[in-house]
C-alpha atoms as a PDB file:
ATOM      1  CA  MET A   1       0.000   0.000   0.000  1.00  0.00           C
ATOM      2  CA  GLY A   2       1.527   3.301  -1.100  1.00  0.00           C
ATOM      3  CA  PRO A   3       1.505   6.600   0.823  1.00  0.00           C
ATOM      4  CA  GLY A   4      -1.449   7.871  -1.196  1.00  0.00           C
ATOM      5  CA  SER A   5      -3.560   4.841  -0.333  1.00  0.00           C
ATOM      6  CA  VAL A   6      -2.608   5.183   3.336  1.00  0.00           C
ATOM      7  CA  LEU A   7      -3.765   8.809   3.385  1.00  0.00           C
ATOM      8  CA  ILE A   8      -7.037   7.933   1.648  1.00  0.00           C
ATOM      9  CA  ALA A   9      -7.653   5.208   4.234  1.00  0.00           C
ATOM     10  CA  ALA A  10      -6.871   7.675   7.026  1.00  0.00           C
ATOM     11  CA  GLY A  11      -9.481  10.052   5.640  1.00  0.00           C
ATOM     12  CA  ARG A  12     -12.038   7.259   5.315  1.00  0.00           C
ATOM     13  CA  TYR A  13     -11.521   6.136   8.925  1.00  0.00           C
ATOM     14  CA  GLY A  14     -10.829   9.593  10.350  1.00  0.00           C
ATOM     15  CA  ARG A  15     -13.505   9.344  13.041  1.00  0.00           C
ATOM     16  CA  ILE A  16     -11.967   6.138  14.393  1.00  0.00           C
ATOM     17  CA  LEU A  17      -8.527   7.744  14.360  1.00  0.00           C
ATOM     18  CA  LEU A  18      -9.797  10.643  16.470  1.00  0.00           C
ATOM     19  CA  VAL A  19     -11.061   8.196  19.100  1.00  0.00           C
ATOM     20  CA  ALA A  20      -7.649   6.514  19.043  1.00  0.00           C
ATOM     21  CA  GLY A  21      -6.029   9.916  19.534  1.00  0.00           C
ATOM     22  CA  LEU A  22      -8.193  10.609  22.584  1.00  0.00           C
ATOM     23  CA  GLY A  23      -7.250   7.229  24.014  1.00  0.00           C
ATOM     24  CA  ALA A  24      -3.563   7.857  23.388  1.00  0.00           C
ATOM     25  CA  GLY A  25      -3.815  11.200  25.144  1.00  0.00           C
ATOM     26  CA  PHE A  26      -5.263   9.495  28.230  1.00  0.00           C
ATOM     27  CA  LEU A  27      -2.910   6.507  28.280  1.00  0.00           C
ATOM     28  CA  LEU A  28       0.336   8.192  27.203  1.00  0.00           C
ATOM     29  CA  PRO A  29       0.613  11.426  29.205  1.00  0.00           C
ATOM     30  CA  GLY A  30       4.358  11.578  28.574  1.00  0.00           C
ATOM     31  CA  VAL A  31       3.891  11.534  24.819  1.00  0.00           C
ATOM     32  CA  ALA A  32       1.025  14.020  25.096  1.00  0.00           C
ATOM     33  CA  GLY A  33       3.183  16.374  27.159  1.00  0.00           C
ATOM     34  CA  ALA A  34       5.979  16.191  24.598  1.00  0.00           C
ATOM     35  CA  MET A  35       3.547  17.238  21.860  1.00  0.00           C
ATOM     36  CA  ARG A  36       2.194  20.287  23.686  1.00  0.00           C
ATOM     37  CA  PRO A  37       4.964  22.695  22.545  1.00  0.00           C
ATOM     38  CA  TRP A  38       4.104  21.835  18.935  1.00  0.00           C
ATOM     39  CA  LEU A  39       0.381  22.552  19.240  1.00  0.00           C
ATOM     40  CA  PRO A  40       0.430  26.119  17.836  1.00  0.00           C
ATOM     41  CA  ALA A  41       2.277  24.963  14.711  1.00  0.00           C
ATOM     42  CA  LEU A  42      -0.013  21.949  14.300  1.00  0.00           C
ATOM     43  CA  ILE A  43      -3.143  24.076  14.634  1.00  0.00           C
ATOM     44  CA  ALA A  44      -1.758  26.437  11.998  1.00  0.00           C
ATOM     45  CA  ALA A  45      -1.132  23.387   9.789  1.00  0.00           C
ATOM     46  CA  LEU A  46      -4.780  22.334  10.216  1.00  0.00           C
ATOM     47  CA  MET A  47      -5.863  25.767   9.095  1.00  0.00           C
ATOM     48  CA  PHE A  48      -3.554  25.527   6.061  1.00  0.00           C
ATOM     49  CA  LEU A  49      -4.898  22.095   5.084  1.00  0.00           C
ATOM     50  CA  ALA A  50      -8.530  23.202   5.431  1.00  0.00           C
ATOM     51  CA  ALA A  51      -7.927  26.307   3.298  1.00  0.00           C
ATOM     52  CA  LEU A  52      -5.983  24.262   0.742  1.00  0.00           C
ATOM     53  CA  ARG A  53      -8.858  21.808   0.391  1.00  0.00           C
ATOM     54  CA  ILE A  54     -11.503  24.481  -0.055  1.00  0.00           C
ATOM     55  CA  GLY A  55      -9.718  27.062  -2.175  1.00  0.00           C
ATOM     56  CA  PRO A  56     -10.232  30.832  -2.192  1.00  0.00           C
ATOM     57  CA  ARG A  57     -13.423  30.904  -4.258  1.00  0.00           C
ATOM     58  CA  GLN A  58     -15.403  28.658  -1.932  1.00  0.00           C
ATOM     59  CA  ALA A  59     -13.891  30.129   1.224  1.00  0.00           C
ATOM     60  CA  ILE A  60     -14.727  33.708   0.378  1.00  0.00           C
ATOM     61  CA  GLY A  61     -18.157  32.859  -0.999  1.00  0.00           C
ATOM     62  CA  ALA A  62     -20.591  35.322  -2.453  1.00  0.00           C
ATOM     63  CA  LEU A  63     -20.587  38.819  -0.972  1.00  0.00           C
ATOM     64  CA  ARG A  64     -24.292  38.480  -0.333  1.00  0.00           C
ATOM     65  CA  ASP A  65     -23.486  35.822   2.312  1.00  0.00           C
ATOM     66  CA  LEU A  66     -21.426  38.235   4.441  1.00  0.00           C
ATOM     67  CA  PRO A  67     -24.399  39.799   6.307  1.00  0.00           C
ATOM     68  CA  SER A  68     -25.647  36.329   7.226  1.00  0.00           C
ATOM     69  CA  VAL A  69     -22.215  35.283   8.506  1.00  0.00           C
ATOM     70  CA  LEU A  70     -21.941  38.475  10.552  1.00  0.00           C
ATOM     71  CA  GLY A  71     -25.384  37.770  11.979  1.00  0.00           C
ATOM     72  CA  VAL A  72     -24.299  34.290  13.080  1.00  0.00           C
ATOM     73  CA  VAL A  73     -21.164  35.754  14.686  1.00  0.00           C
ATOM     74  CA  ALA A  74     -23.272  38.318  16.554  1.00  0.00           C
ATOM     75  CA  VAL A  75     -25.468  35.554  17.963  1.00  0.00           C
ATOM     76  CA  TYR A  76     -22.657  33.099  18.743  1.00  0.00           C
ATOM     77  CA  GLN A  77     -20.046  35.447  20.219  1.00  0.00           C
ATOM     78  CA  LEU A  78     -22.094  38.328  21.577  1.00  0.00           C
ATOM     79  CA  ALA A  79     -25.752  37.589  22.292  1.00  0.00           C
ATOM     80  CA  VAL A  80     -25.223  34.109  23.753  1.00  0.00           C
ATOM     81  CA  PRO A  81     -22.312  34.910  26.116  1.00  0.00           C
ATOM     82  CA  LEU A  82     -24.024  38.109  27.302  1.00  0.00           C
ATOM     83  CA  ALA A  83     -27.204  36.141  28.025  1.00  0.00           C
ATOM     84  CA  LEU A  84     -25.162  33.500  29.860  1.00  0.00           C
ATOM     85  CA  ALA A  85     -23.358  36.130  31.926  1.00  0.00           C
ATOM     86  CA  ALA A  86     -26.678  37.712  32.883  1.00  0.00           C
ATOM     87  CA  GLY A  87     -28.220  34.346  33.698  1.00  0.00           C
ATOM     88  CA  PHE A  88     -25.325  33.203  35.877  1.00  0.00           C
ATOM     89  CA  GLY A  89     -25.328  36.567  37.641  1.00  0.00           C
ATOM     90  CA  LEU A  90     -29.044  36.380  38.421  1.00  0.00           C
ATOM     91  CA  ALA A  91     -28.574  32.835  39.715  1.00  0.00           C
ATOM     92  CA  GLY A  92     -25.816  33.965  42.056  1.00  0.00           C
ATOM     93  CA  LEU A  93     -23.165  31.984  40.161  1.00  0.00           C
ATOM     94  CA  GLY A  94     -21.361  34.906  38.529  1.00  0.00           C
ATOM     95  CA  GLY A  95     -17.606  34.492  38.779  1.00  0.00           C
ATOM     96  CA  SER A  96     -17.778  30.763  39.605  1.00  0.00           C
ATOM     97  CA  PRO A  97     -15.409  28.455  37.697  1.00  0.00           C
ATOM     98  CA  ALA A  98     -18.300  26.747  35.884  1.00  0.00           C
ATOM     99  CA  ALA A  99     -19.782  30.099  34.827  1.00  0.00           C
ATOM    100  CA  LEU A 100     -16.406  31.410  33.658  1.00  0.00           C
ATOM    101  CA  ALA A 101     -15.764  28.242  31.655  1.00  0.00           C
ATOM    102  CA  VAL A 102     -19.079  28.354  29.803  1.00  0.00           C
ATOM    103  CA  ILE A 103     -18.942  32.116  29.166  1.00  0.00           C
ATOM    104  CA  LEU A 104     -15.377  31.914  27.825  1.00  0.00           C
ATOM    105  CA  MET A 105     -16.345  29.028  25.577  1.00  0.00           C
ATOM    106  CA  ALA A 106     -19.293  30.966  24.184  1.00  0.00           C
ATOM    107  CA  SER A 107     -17.159  34.087  23.661  1.00  0.00           C
ATOM    108  CA  ALA A 108     -14.483  32.317  21.631  1.00  0.00           C
ATOM    109  CA  PRO A 109     -14.346  31.944  17.843  1.00  0.00           C
ATOM    110  CA  PRO A 110     -14.590  28.451  16.329  1.00  0.00           C
ATOM    111  CA  ILE A 111     -11.552  26.193  16.533  1.00  0.00           C
ATOM    112  CA  ALA A 112      -9.186  26.156  13.562  1.00  0.00           C
ATOM    113  CA  GLY A 113     -10.148  22.517  12.993  1.00  0.00           C
ATOM    114  CA  SER A 114     -13.889  23.210  12.590  1.00  0.00           C
ATOM    115  CA  PRO A 115     -13.757  22.846   8.783  1.00  0.00           C
ATOM    116  CA  ASN A 116     -11.899  19.558   9.242  1.00  0.00           C
ATOM    117  CA  LEU A 117     -14.538  18.274  11.684  1.00  0.00           C
ATOM    118  CA  THR A 118     -17.201  19.290   9.165  1.00  0.00           C
ATOM    119  CA  VAL A 119     -15.544  17.162   6.486  1.00  0.00           C
ATOM    120  CA  LEU A 120     -15.454  14.178   8.854  1.00  0.00           C
ATOM    121  CA  SER A 121     -19.152  14.767   9.613  1.00  0.00           C
ATOM    122  CA  GLY A 122     -20.074  14.703   5.931  1.00  0.00           C
ATOM    123  CA  GLY A 123     -20.705  18.432   5.516  1.00  0.00           C
ATOM    124  CA  ASP A 124     -19.402  21.251   3.340  1.00  0.00           C
ATOM    125  CA  PRO A 125     -16.394  22.837   5.096  1.00  0.00           C
ATOM    126  CA  ALA A 126     -16.602  26.174   3.245  1.00  0.00           C
ATOM    127  CA  PRO A 127     -19.257  27.791   5.541  1.00  0.00           C
ATOM    128  CA  ALA A 128     -17.265  26.703   8.602  1.00  0.00           C
ATOM    129  CA  LEU A 129     -14.088  28.255   7.213  1.00  0.00           C
ATOM    130  CA  ARG A 130     -15.870  31.503   6.335  1.00  0.00           C
ATOM    131  CA  LEU A 131     -17.329  31.671   9.832  1.00  0.00           C
ATOM    132  CA  LEU A 132     -13.916  30.917  11.357  1.00  0.00           C
ATOM    133  CA  VAL A 133     -12.258  33.801   9.513  1.00  0.00           C
ATOM    134  CA  VAL A 134     -15.034  36.340  10.144  1.00  0.00           C
ATOM    135  CA  ALA A 135     -15.557  35.302  13.789  1.00  0.00           C
ATOM    136  CA  THR A 136     -11.854  35.594  14.582  1.00  0.00           C
ATOM    137  CA  ALA A 137     -11.668  38.994  12.887  1.00  0.00           C
ATOM    138  CA  CYS A 138     -14.675  40.167  14.937  1.00  0.00           C
ATOM    139  CA  LEU A 139     -13.391  38.832  18.271  1.00  0.00           C
ATOM    140  CA  PRO A 140     -11.721  42.105  19.356  1.00  0.00           C
ATOM    141  CA  VAL A 141     -15.131  43.777  19.018  1.00  0.00           C
ATOM    142  CA  THR A 142     -17.404  41.050  20.395  1.00  0.00           C
ATOM    143  CA  VAL A 143     -15.272  40.200  23.428  1.00  0.00           C
ATOM    144  CA  LEU A 144     -15.294  43.705  24.939  1.00  0.00           C
ATOM    145  CA  PRO A 145     -18.975  43.828  25.999  1.00  0.00           C
ATOM    146  CA  VAL A 146     -18.720  40.302  27.403  1.00  0.00           C
ATOM    147  CA  PHE A 147     -15.687  41.155  29.505  1.00  0.00           C
ATOM    148  CA  PHE A 148     -17.418  44.306  30.689  1.00  0.00           C
ATOM    149  CA  VAL A 149     -20.516  42.420  31.870  1.00  0.00           C
ATOM    150  CA  ALA A 150     -19.127  39.061  33.065  1.00  0.00           C
ATOM    151  CA  GLU A 151     -17.687  38.735  36.548  1.00  0.00           C
ATOM    152  CA  GLY A 152     -14.147  37.555  37.244  1.00  0.00           C
ATOM    153  CA  LEU A 153     -12.659  37.790  33.744  1.00  0.00           C
ATOM    154  CA  GLY A 154     -10.299  40.718  34.284  1.00  0.00           C
ATOM    155  CA  GLY A 155      -9.232  43.073  31.518  1.00  0.00           C
ATOM    156  CA  ALA A 156      -9.701  42.534  27.820  1.00  0.00           C
ATOM    157  CA  GLY A 157      -6.313  43.884  26.673  1.00  0.00           C
ATOM    158  CA  PRO A 158      -4.389  40.566  26.681  1.00  0.00           C
ATOM    159  CA  VAL A 159      -7.264  38.839  24.899  1.00  0.00           C
ATOM    160  CA  LEU A 160      -7.247  41.451  22.142  1.00  0.00           C
ATOM    161  CA  ALA A 161      -3.529  40.872  21.633  1.00  0.00           C
ATOM    162  CA  ALA A 162      -4.030  37.105  21.487  1.00  0.00           C
ATOM    163  CA  ALA A 163      -6.891  37.540  19.018  1.00  0.00           C
ATOM    164  CA  GLY A 164      -4.612  39.628  16.835  1.00  0.00           C
ATOM    165  CA  ARG A 165      -1.975  36.900  16.847  1.00  0.00           C
ATOM    166  CA  LEU A 166      -4.576  34.277  15.981  1.00  0.00           C
ATOM    167  CA  LEU A 167      -5.884  36.393  13.132  1.00  0.00           C
ATOM    168  CA  GLY A 168      -2.313  36.728  11.852  1.00  0.00           C
ATOM    169  CA  VAL A 169      -1.848  32.960  11.862  1.00  0.00           C
ATOM    170  CA  ILE A 170      -5.091  32.488   9.948  1.00  0.00           C
ATOM    171  CA  ALA A 171      -4.056  35.131   7.417  1.00  0.00           C
ATOM    172  CA  LEU A 172      -0.645  33.511   6.849  1.00  0.00           C
ATOM    173  CA  ALA A 173      -1.879  29.904   6.709  1.00  0.00           C
ATOM    174  CA  GLY A 174      -4.928  30.701   4.621  1.00  0.00           C
ATOM    175  CA  GLY A 175      -3.047  33.083   2.362  1.00  0.00           C
ATOM    176  CA  ALA A 176      -0.349  30.524   1.621  1.00  0.00           C
ATOM    177  CA  ALA A 177      -2.944  27.835   0.883  1.00  0.00           C
ATOM    178  CA  PHE A 178      -4.973  30.109  -1.385  1.00  0.00           C
ATOM    179  CA  LEU A 179      -1.820  31.138  -3.232  1.00  0.00           C
ATOM    180  CA  ILE A 180      -0.999  27.488  -3.914  1.00  0.00           C
ATOM    181  CA  ARG A 181      -4.548  26.790  -5.075  1.00  0.00           C
ATOM    182  CA  GLY A 182      -4.560  29.845  -7.299  1.00  0.00           C
ATOM    183  CA  ILE A 183      -1.202  29.224  -8.983  1.00  0.00           C
ATOM    184  CA  VAL A 184      -0.143  25.581  -8.666  1.00  0.00           C
ATOM    185  CA  TRP A 185      -3.162  23.455  -7.709  1.00  0.00           C
ATOM    186  CA  ARG A 186      -6.143  25.081  -9.399  1.00  0.00           C
ATOM    187  CA  ALA A 187      -8.225  21.961 -10.079  1.00  0.00           C
ATOM    188  CA  PRO A 188      -7.247  19.103  -7.752  1.00  0.00           C
ATOM    189  CA  ALA A 189      -8.431  15.627  -8.659  1.00  0.00           C
ATOM    190  CA  PRO A 190     -10.879  13.799  -6.347  1.00  0.00           C
ATOM    191  CA  ARG A 191      -8.088  11.396  -5.322  1.00  0.00           C
ATOM    192  CA  SER A 192      -5.899  14.328  -4.308  1.00  0.00           C
ATOM    193  CA  ILE A 193      -8.722  15.785  -2.209  1.00  0.00           C
ATOM    194  CA  ALA A 194      -9.200  12.403  -0.516  1.00  0.00           C
ATOM    195  CA  MET A 195      -5.479  12.256   0.284  1.00  0.00           C
ATOM    196  CA  LEU A 196      -5.639  15.762   1.717  1.00  0.00           C
ATOM    197  CA  ASP A 197      -8.570  14.736   3.936  1.00  0.00           C
ATOM    198  CA  GLY A 198      -6.472  11.849   5.235  1.00  0.00           C
ATOM    199  CA  LEU A 199      -3.525  14.114   5.996  1.00  0.00           C
ATOM    200  CA  SER A 200      -5.872  16.471   7.817  1.00  0.00           C
ATOM    201  CA  ALA A 201      -7.302  13.595   9.886  1.00  0.00           C
ATOM    202  CA  LEU A 202      -3.795  12.490  10.912  1.00  0.00           C
ATOM    203  CA  ALA A 203      -2.867  16.040  11.903  1.00  0.00           C
ATOM    204  CA  MET A 204      -5.998  16.272  14.063  1.00  0.00           C
ATOM    205  CA  VAL A 205      -5.031  13.043  15.826  1.00  0.00           C
ATOM    206  CA  VAL A 206      -1.655  14.495  16.775  1.00  0.00           C
ATOM    207  CA  VAL A 207      -3.311  17.693  18.012  1.00  0.00           C
ATOM    208  CA  VAL A 208      -5.822  15.891  20.211  1.00  0.00           C
ATOM    209  CA  VAL A 209      -3.073  13.792  21.819  1.00  0.00           C
ATOM    210  CA  GLY A 210      -1.262  16.969  22.844  1.00  0.00           C
ATOM    211  CA  LEU A 211      -4.411  18.648  24.162  1.00  0.00           C
ATOM    212  CA  MET A 212      -5.191  15.698  26.437  1.00  0.00           C
ATOM    213  CA  ALA A 213      -1.888  15.885  28.338  1.00  0.00           C
ATOM    214  CA  LYS A 214      -3.485  16.542  31.758  1.00  0.00           C
ATOM    215  CA  ALA A 215      -6.703  14.576  31.362  1.00  0.00           C
ATOM    216  CA  GLY A 216      -5.317  11.127  32.190  1.00  0.00           C
ATOM    217  CA  PRO A 217      -3.575  12.086  35.453  1.00  0.00           C
ATOM    218  CA  THR A 218      -6.628  14.067  36.600  1.00  0.00           C
ATOM    219  CA  LEU A 219      -8.946  11.142  35.922  1.00  0.00           C
ATOM    220  CA  LEU A 220      -6.816   8.933  38.187  1.00  0.00           C
ATOM    221  CA  GLU A 221      -6.356  11.514  40.951  1.00  0.00           C
ATOM    222  CA  SER A 222      -9.843  13.115  41.095  1.00  0.00           C
ATOM    223  CA  PRO A 223     -12.376  10.982  39.188  1.00  0.00           C
ATOM    224  CA  LEU A 224     -15.457  12.768  40.585  1.00  0.00           C
ATOM    225  CA  ALA A 225     -14.125  16.196  39.654  1.00  0.00           C
ATOM    226  CA  PHE A 226     -13.224  14.885  36.228  1.00  0.00           C
ATOM    227  CA  LEU A 227     -16.750  13.472  35.764  1.00  0.00           C
ATOM    228  CA  ALA A 228     -18.383  16.756  36.818  1.00  0.00           C
ATOM    229  CA  TRP A 229     -16.304  18.856  34.421  1.00  0.00           C
ATOM    230  CA  LEU A 230     -16.754  16.322  31.632  1.00  0.00           C
ATOM    231  CA  THR A 231     -20.531  16.486  32.065  1.00  0.00           C
ATOM    232  CA  LEU A 232     -20.426  20.273  31.811  1.00  0.00           C
ATOM    233  CA  ALA A 233     -18.190  20.122  28.737  1.00  0.00           C
ATOM    234  CA  LEU A 234     -20.474  17.620  27.008  1.00  0.00           C
ATOM    235  CA  ALA A 235     -23.566  19.699  27.748  1.00  0.00           C
ATOM    236  CA  ALA A 236     -21.952  22.946  26.594  1.00  0.00           C
ATOM    237  CA  ASN A 237     -20.441  21.574  23.392  1.00  0.00           C
ATOM    238  CA  LEU A 238     -23.093  19.151  22.172  1.00  0.00           C
ATOM    239  CA  GLY A 239     -25.967  21.238  23.484  1.00  0.00           C
ATOM    240  CA  ALA A 240     -24.759  24.264  21.536  1.00  0.00           C
ATOM    241  CA  GLN A 241     -24.500  22.164  18.384  1.00  0.00           C
ATOM    242  CA  VAL A 242     -28.036  20.799  18.694  1.00  0.00           C
ATOM    243  CA  VAL A 243     -29.575  24.199  19.445  1.00  0.00           C
ATOM    244  CA  ALA A 244     -27.698  25.839  16.558  1.00  0.00           C
ATOM    245  CA  PHE A 245     -28.625  23.042  14.150  1.00  0.00           C
ATOM    246  CA  LEU A 246     -32.321  23.384  14.992  1.00  0.00           C
ATOM    247  CA  TRP A 247     -32.238  27.198  14.890  1.00  0.00           C
ATOM    248  CA  LEU A 248     -30.361  27.355  11.584  1.00  0.00           C
ATOM    249  CA  GLY A 249     -32.828  24.892  10.108  1.00  0.00           C
ATOM    250  CA  ARG A 250     -35.464  27.629  10.330  1.00  0.00           C
ATOM    251  CA  THR A 251     -33.340  30.191   8.460  1.00  0.00           C
ATOM    252  CA  ARG A 252     -32.002  30.680   4.939  1.00  0.00           C
ATOM    253  CA  LEU A 253     -28.742  29.154   6.182  1.00  0.00           C
ATOM    254  CA  ARG A 254     -30.295  25.693   6.421  1.00  0.00           C
ATOM    255  CA  PRO A 255     -28.081  24.255   3.602  1.00  0.00           C
ATOM    256  CA  GLN A 256     -24.983  25.391   5.534  1.00  0.00           C
ATOM    257  CA  ARG A 257     -26.080  24.389   8.997  1.00  0.00           C
ATOM    258  CA  THR A 258     -23.814  21.364   9.470  1.00  0.00           C
ATOM    259  CA  GLY A 259     -20.601  23.394   9.446  1.00  0.00           C
ATOM    260  CA  LEU A 260     -22.180  26.321  11.283  1.00  0.00           C
ATOM    261  CA  ALA A 261     -23.639  24.075  14.005  1.00  0.00           C
ATOM    262  CA  ILE A 262     -20.308  22.292  14.500  1.00  0.00           C
ATOM    263  CA  SER A 263     -18.692  25.705  14.862  1.00  0.00           C
ATOM    264  CA  ALA A 264     -21.274  26.681  17.497  1.00  0.00           C
ATOM    265  CA  GLY A 265     -20.141  23.957  19.882  1.00  0.00           C
ATOM    266  CA  ASN A 266     -16.443  23.718  19.071  1.00  0.00           C
ATOM    267  CA  ARG A 267     -14.787  26.956  20.146  1.00  0.00           C
ATOM    268  CA  ASN A 268     -11.176  28.050  20.545  1.00  0.00           C
ATOM    269  CA  ILE A 269     -11.308  28.467  24.329  1.00  0.00           C
ATOM    270  CA  ALA A 270      -7.554  27.772  24.381  1.00  0.00           C
ATOM    271  CA  LEU A 271      -7.134  31.300  23.019  1.00  0.00           C
ATOM    272  CA  PHE A 272      -8.116  32.620  26.440  1.00  0.00           C
ATOM    273  CA  LEU A 273      -5.868  30.101  28.165  1.00  0.00           C
ATOM    274  CA  VAL A 274      -2.794  31.844  26.767  1.00  0.00           C
ATOM    275  CA  ALA A 275      -4.240  35.361  27.064  1.00  0.00           C
ATOM    276  CA  LEU A 276      -5.771  35.619  30.538  1.00  0.00           C
ATOM    277  CA  PRO A 277      -3.890  35.577  33.874  1.00  0.00           C
ATOM    278  CA  ALA A 278      -3.339  32.239  35.607  1.00  0.00           C
ATOM    279  CA  GLU A 279      -5.668  33.131  38.482  1.00  0.00           C
ATOM    280  CA  VAL A 280      -8.542  33.292  35.982  1.00  0.00           C
ATOM    281  CA  THR A 281      -7.714  30.242  33.861  1.00  0.00           C
ATOM    282  CA  GLY A 282      -6.324  27.974  36.583  1.00  0.00           C
ATOM    283  CA  PRO A 283      -9.708  26.904  37.993  1.00  0.00           C
ATOM    284  CA  ILE A 284     -11.040  25.974  34.525  1.00  0.00           C
ATOM    285  CA  LEU A 285      -8.054  24.032  33.176  1.00  0.00           C
ATOM    286  CA  LEU A 286      -9.845  20.743  33.734  1.00  0.00           C
ATOM    287  CA  PHE A 287     -12.859  21.989  31.772  1.00  0.00           C
ATOM    288  CA  ILE A 288     -10.580  22.860  28.855  1.00  0.00           C
ATOM    289  CA  GLY A 289      -9.112  19.350  28.930  1.00  0.00           C
ATOM    290  CA  CYS A 290     -12.537  17.695  29.144  1.00  0.00           C
ATOM    291  CA  TYR A 291     -13.809  19.965  26.374  1.00  0.00           C
ATOM    292  CA  GLN A 292     -11.520  18.188  23.915  1.00  0.00           C
ATOM    293  CA  ILE A 293     -13.510  14.962  24.315  1.00  0.00           C
ATOM    294  CA  PRO A 294     -16.849  16.084  22.782  1.00  0.00           C
ATOM    295  CA  MET A 295     -14.889  18.254  20.350  1.00  0.00           C
ATOM    296  CA  TYR A 296     -13.026  15.394  18.736  1.00  0.00           C
ATOM    297  CA  LEU A 297     -15.905  12.950  19.113  1.00  0.00           C
ATOM    298  CA  THR A 298     -18.266  15.314  17.257  1.00  0.00           C
ATOM    299  CA  PRO A 299     -18.195  13.301  13.982  1.00  0.00           C
ATOM    300  CA  ILE A 300     -19.220  10.180  15.904  1.00  0.00           C
ATOM    301  CA  LEU A 301     -21.611  11.583  18.503  1.00  0.00           C
ATOM    302  CA  MET A 302     -23.342  13.971  16.111  1.00  0.00           C
ATOM    303  CA  GLY A 303     -22.951  12.041  12.868  1.00  0.00           C
ATOM    304  CA  ARG A 304     -26.535  10.754  12.799  1.00  0.00           C
ATOM    305  CA  LEU A 305     -27.934  14.271  13.245  1.00  0.00           C
ATOM    306  CA  TYR A 306     -25.762  15.811  10.537  1.00  0.00           C
ATOM    307  CA  ARG A 307     -26.041  12.993   8.019  1.00  0.00           C
ATOM    308  CA  GLY A 308     -29.735  12.335   8.558  1.00  0.00           C
END
């Protein structure tokens, strides 16, 4: 079996590979820890592969779609986190670790791998990539009201700087991929696209192993705490996907709702992990680790909904 056939097989069985990656992250904490320093580069590589698969024409889309995408961003990153902050405050839970975790998740843009997860779920990755780019560009604007209203999040300055860095990575990775598609690889063959999907699936496996570095030790040391945070992560991620899928089904964005719903639940909360002070992020580190589980199991757990 040649390298091309191996990559095609990896793309075909990508969902199984993601489960294997989660298991490896639990069982091999040493290997997972060694991969952590490489995570930023790997996430940038995922962005490059997604943009390379889609190409500039599909990614940019028609200009008439921009107002709809901006509307989705306003709901996802502004209306929802503000409503959550108000709700937690009224319930007397403002500033609690659980409230901070859910509000930060809702305030974040989609993960760089959201187009890749959409491919593995049988959907069109172009709407997810468009939302990723626009949502990240809007983050400096949408995050300010949330940080003003929510309790215990500190200042927004470091987050704005981190958002700028993330936007720069997206611009470089996406720009390089679009340049290749525009000059060298204008009309890739179906076999080439299948190989690219396999390479993307393998890259996601490596990323998930690195993100699970602390999950295994925590499960052994504090199983009840792990179970509580995992339950919250499952509810936040999968619940957001289901609600978004049903809501989008009633709008003109119904044909695009698979990628947009996946993006609703799978957010780049790690952006805040590197931007906010340790006293804010420390109490929610376990949530961030548990959050990777529904994220990378999305194609399996949500496959029936998206393919039905």
